Amino acid sequence: MHCSATSMLPRWEVAMTEAEQQVMPEPRRVTRLIRLKEVQYRVGLGRSTIYRWMAEGKFPKPIQLGGYAVAWAQEDIDGWIATRLG
């Protein structure tokens, strides 16, 4: 007798799992937010250059965290670095 992982589950769980695979979109990956000091370290630029390039549309904009606190999505910074390398 063939025994798979899904055959060990009750029938309603198997049906639900198959339906979820067809209907549920792929979950959005949660990105890490990084602060200015780490952005500066990763890209090798100073604060004033980062903010000037943001104003010129040459650098990703940060996410407002509240008050004056901002952070950048790690994937945005990684993408920006990748475009510079390639």
N, C-alpha and C. Protein backbone atom coordinates (compact mmCIF):
# COMPACT_ATOMS: atom_id res chain seq x y z
N MET A 1 0.84 -1.18 0.00
CA MET A 1 0.00 0.00 0.00
C MET A 1 0.88 1.25 0.00
N HIS A 2 0.60 2.17 -0.90
CA HIS A 2 1.36 3.42 -1.01
C HIS A 2 0.87 4.39 0.05
N CYS A 3 1.80 4.97 0.81
CA CYS A 3 1.44 5.86 1.90
C CYS A 3 2.21 7.16 1.75
N SER A 4 1.51 8.22 1.38
CA SER A 4 2.17 9.53 1.26
C SER A 4 1.80 10.38 2.47
N ALA A 5 2.44 11.53 2.57
CA ALA A 5 2.17 12.43 3.70
C ALA A 5 0.72 12.89 3.70
N THR A 6 0.15 13.13 2.50
CA THR A 6 -1.23 13.59 2.44
C THR A 6 -2.23 12.48 2.73
N SER A 7 -1.87 11.20 2.48
CA SER A 7 -2.80 10.11 2.74
C SER A 7 -2.95 9.86 4.24
N MET A 8 -2.04 10.39 5.03
CA MET A 8 -2.11 10.21 6.47
C MET A 8 -3.01 11.27 7.12
N LEU A 9 -3.37 12.31 6.39
CA LEU A 9 -4.23 13.37 6.90
C LEU A 9 -5.69 13.00 6.68
N PRO A 10 -6.59 13.52 7.52
CA PRO A 10 -8.02 13.32 7.25
C PRO A 10 -8.38 13.91 5.89
N ARG A 11 -9.43 13.38 5.27
CA ARG A 11 -9.81 13.81 3.91
C ARG A 11 -10.04 15.32 3.82
N TRP A 12 -10.69 15.93 4.80
CA TRP A 12 -10.98 17.36 4.71
C TRP A 12 -9.70 18.18 4.74
N GLU A 13 -8.66 17.72 5.43
CA GLU A 13 -7.38 18.45 5.44
C GLU A 13 -6.68 18.35 4.10
N VAL A 14 -6.75 17.19 3.46
CA VAL A 14 -6.14 17.01 2.14
C VAL A 14 -6.82 17.92 1.14
N ALA A 15 -8.15 17.93 1.12
CA ALA A 15 -8.90 18.76 0.18
C ALA A 15 -8.59 20.24 0.43
N MET A 16 -8.49 20.64 1.68
CA MET A 16 -8.21 22.03 2.01
C MET A 16 -6.80 22.42 1.54
N THR A 17 -5.86 21.51 1.72
CA THR A 17 -4.50 21.78 1.31
C THR A 17 -4.42 21.94 -0.20
N GLU A 18 -5.08 21.09 -0.95
CA GLU A 18 -5.07 21.18 -2.41
C GLU A 18 -5.75 22.46 -2.88
N ALA A 19 -6.83 22.85 -2.23
CA ALA A 19 -7.54 24.08 -2.59
C ALA A 19 -6.68 25.30 -2.28
N GLU A 20 -6.00 25.28 -1.15
CA GLU A 20 -5.14 26.40 -0.79
C GLU A 20 -4.03 26.59 -1.81
N GLN A 21 -3.48 25.51 -2.31
CA GLN A 21 -2.40 25.60 -3.29
C GLN A 21 -2.89 26.24 -4.58
N GLN A 22 -4.14 26.03 -4.93
CA GLN A 22 -4.68 26.58 -6.18
C GLN A 22 -5.17 28.01 -6.02
N VAL A 23 -5.75 28.35 -4.87
CA VAL A 23 -6.39 29.64 -4.68
C VAL A 23 -5.47 30.67 -4.03
N MET A 24 -4.71 30.26 -3.03
CA MET A 24 -3.89 31.19 -2.27
C MET A 24 -2.70 31.69 -3.09
N PRO A 25 -2.54 33.02 -3.19
CA PRO A 25 -1.36 33.54 -3.87
C PRO A 25 -0.12 33.25 -3.04
N GLU A 26 1.02 33.31 -3.68
CA GLU A 26 2.27 33.09 -2.94
C GLU A 26 2.42 34.20 -1.91
N PRO A 27 2.75 33.85 -0.68
CA PRO A 27 2.85 34.88 0.36
C PRO A 27 3.97 35.86 0.07
N ARG A 28 3.73 37.12 0.41
CA ARG A 28 4.74 38.16 0.21
C ARG A 28 5.83 37.94 1.24
N ARG A 29 7.06 37.97 0.77
CA ARG A 29 8.19 37.80 1.68
C ARG A 29 8.35 39.07 2.50
N VAL A 30 8.51 38.91 3.77
CA VAL A 30 8.70 40.04 4.66
C VAL A 30 10.15 40.50 4.53
N THR A 31 10.30 41.76 4.28
CA THR A 31 11.64 42.31 4.12
C THR A 31 12.10 42.92 5.44
N ARG A 32 13.37 42.97 5.61
CA ARG A 32 13.96 43.59 6.79
C ARG A 32 14.11 45.08 6.52
N LEU A 33 13.83 45.89 7.52
CA LEU A 33 14.01 47.33 7.40
C LEU A 33 15.36 47.68 8.00
N ILE A 34 16.12 48.49 7.27
CA ILE A 34 17.45 48.87 7.75
C ILE A 34 17.54 50.38 7.88
N ARG A 35 18.24 50.82 8.89
CA ARG A 35 18.36 52.24 9.19
C ARG A 35 19.53 52.85 8.43
N LEU A 36 19.64 54.17 8.49
CA LEU A 36 20.61 54.93 7.70
C LEU A 36 22.04 54.46 7.87
N LYS A 37 22.47 54.20 9.09
CA LYS A 37 23.86 53.78 9.33
C LYS A 37 24.19 52.51 8.54
N GLU A 38 23.29 51.54 8.54
CA GLU A 38 23.54 50.31 7.80
C GLU A 38 23.48 50.55 6.30
N VAL A 39 22.56 51.41 5.85
CA VAL A 39 22.49 51.75 4.42
C VAL A 39 23.81 52.38 3.99
N GLN A 40 24.32 53.32 4.78
CA GLN A 40 25.59 53.96 4.47
C GLN A 40 26.71 52.93 4.37
N TYR A 41 26.74 52.01 5.32
CA TYR A 41 27.77 50.97 5.32
C TYR A 41 27.67 50.09 4.08
N ARG A 42 26.44 49.70 3.72
CA ARG A 42 26.25 48.79 2.58
C ARG A 42 26.60 49.44 1.24
N VAL A 43 26.24 50.69 1.07
CA VAL A 43 26.43 51.32 -0.23
C VAL A 43 27.69 52.17 -0.32
N GLY A 44 28.30 52.45 0.81
CA GLY A 44 29.54 53.21 0.80
C GLY A 44 29.36 54.68 0.48
N LEU A 45 28.20 55.22 0.82
CA LEU A 45 27.92 56.63 0.57
C LEU A 45 27.64 57.34 1.89
N GLY A 46 27.84 58.65 1.90
CA GLY A 46 27.53 59.45 3.07
C GLY A 46 26.07 59.84 3.08
N ARG A 47 25.64 60.35 4.23
CA ARG A 47 24.25 60.74 4.43
C ARG A 47 23.79 61.78 3.42
N SER A 48 24.58 62.82 3.22
CA SER A 48 24.16 63.89 2.31
C SER A 48 24.05 63.41 0.87
N THR A 49 24.94 62.51 0.47
CA THR A 49 24.87 61.96 -0.90
C THR A 49 23.61 61.10 -1.06
N ILE A 50 23.31 60.30 -0.07
CA ILE A 50 22.11 59.46 -0.13
C ILE A 50 20.87 60.33 -0.27
N TYR A 51 20.75 61.37 0.56
CA TYR A 51 19.56 62.23 0.50
C TYR A 51 19.52 63.06 -0.79
N ARG A 52 20.66 63.48 -1.28
CA ARG A 52 20.68 64.21 -2.56
C ARG A 52 20.25 63.31 -3.70
N TRP A 53 20.78 62.09 -3.74
CA TRP A 53 20.41 61.15 -4.79
C TRP A 53 18.93 60.74 -4.69
N MET A 54 18.40 60.67 -3.47
CA MET A 54 16.96 60.39 -3.33
C MET A 54 16.16 61.52 -3.98
N ALA A 55 16.54 62.76 -3.73
CA ALA A 55 15.85 63.92 -4.31
C ALA A 55 15.94 63.92 -5.83
N GLU A 56 17.05 63.40 -6.36
CA GLU A 56 17.24 63.33 -7.81
C GLU A 56 16.64 62.06 -8.42
N GLY A 57 16.09 61.19 -7.60
CA GLY A 57 15.49 59.95 -8.10
C GLY A 57 16.51 58.86 -8.41
N LYS A 58 17.71 59.00 -7.88
CA LYS A 58 18.78 58.04 -8.15
C LYS A 58 18.95 56.99 -7.05
N PHE A 59 18.18 57.12 -5.97
CA PHE A 59 18.35 56.22 -4.83
C PHE A 59 16.97 55.93 -4.25
N PRO A 60 16.76 54.70 -3.73
CA PRO A 60 15.43 54.36 -3.17
C PRO A 60 15.04 55.26 -2.00
N LYS A 61 13.75 55.54 -1.93
CA LYS A 61 13.24 56.36 -0.84
C LYS A 61 12.96 55.47 0.38
N PRO A 62 13.10 56.05 1.57
CA PRO A 62 12.85 55.26 2.79
C PRO A 62 11.36 55.16 3.11
N ILE A 63 11.08 54.33 4.08
CA ILE A 63 9.73 54.16 4.61
C ILE A 63 9.66 54.96 5.91
N GLN A 64 8.60 55.75 6.05
CA GLN A 64 8.42 56.55 7.26
C GLN A 64 7.97 55.64 8.40
N LEU A 65 8.71 55.63 9.50
CA LEU A 65 8.37 54.79 10.64
C LEU A 65 7.55 55.55 11.68
N GLY A 66 7.64 56.84 11.66
CA GLY A 66 6.94 57.66 12.64
C GLY A 66 7.85 58.78 13.08
N GLY A 67 7.28 59.94 13.23
CA GLY A 67 8.11 61.10 13.59
C GLY A 67 9.14 61.34 12.49
N TYR A 68 10.38 61.44 12.90
CA TYR A 68 11.46 61.63 11.93
C TYR A 68 12.20 60.34 11.61
N ALA A 69 11.76 59.24 12.17
CA ALA A 69 12.43 57.95 11.98
C ALA A 69 12.06 57.35 10.62
N VAL A 70 13.09 56.96 9.87
CA VAL A 70 12.89 56.31 8.58
C VAL A 70 13.79 55.08 8.50
N ALA A 71 13.43 54.18 7.60
CA ALA A 71 14.25 53.00 7.32
C ALA A 71 14.01 52.61 5.88
N TRP A 72 14.93 51.88 5.31
CA TRP A 72 14.84 51.42 3.94
C TRP A 72 14.53 49.93 3.94
N ALA A 73 13.79 49.48 2.95
CA ALA A 73 13.56 48.05 2.77
C ALA A 73 14.87 47.44 2.28
N GLN A 74 15.31 46.40 2.93
CA GLN A 74 16.57 45.76 2.56
C GLN A 74 16.57 45.34 1.10
N GLU A 75 15.43 44.83 0.61
CA GLU A 75 15.38 44.38 -0.79
C GLU A 75 15.53 45.55 -1.77
N ASP A 76 15.07 46.74 -1.38
CA ASP A 76 15.26 47.93 -2.23
C ASP A 76 16.74 48.29 -2.33
N ILE A 77 17.43 48.24 -1.19
CA ILE A 77 18.86 48.57 -1.19
C ILE A 77 19.65 47.50 -1.93
N ASP A 78 19.32 46.23 -1.69
CA ASP A 78 20.00 45.14 -2.40
C ASP A 78 19.78 45.25 -3.91
N GLY A 79 18.57 45.62 -4.32
CA GLY A 79 18.28 45.81 -5.74
C GLY A 79 19.06 46.96 -6.34
N TRP A 80 19.15 48.06 -5.59
CA TRP A 80 19.92 49.21 -6.06
C TRP A 80 21.38 48.84 -6.23
N ILE A 81 21.95 48.11 -5.28
CA ILE A 81 23.34 47.67 -5.38
C ILE A 81 23.52 46.76 -6.59
N ALA A 82 22.58 45.85 -6.81
CA ALA A 82 22.67 44.93 -7.95
C ALA A 82 22.66 45.68 -9.29
N THR A 83 21.87 46.76 -9.39
CA THR A 83 21.86 47.52 -10.65
C THR A 83 23.19 48.24 -10.87
N ARG A 84 23.85 48.61 -9.79
CA ARG A 84 25.15 49.27 -9.90
C ARG A 84 26.25 48.29 -10.30
N LEU A 85 26.12 47.04 -9.87
CA LEU A 85 27.13 46.03 -10.16
C LEU A 85 27.00 45.47 -11.59
N GLY A 86 25.77 45.45 -12.07
CA GLY A 86 25.53 44.78 -13.35
C GLY A 86 25.30 45.67 -14.44
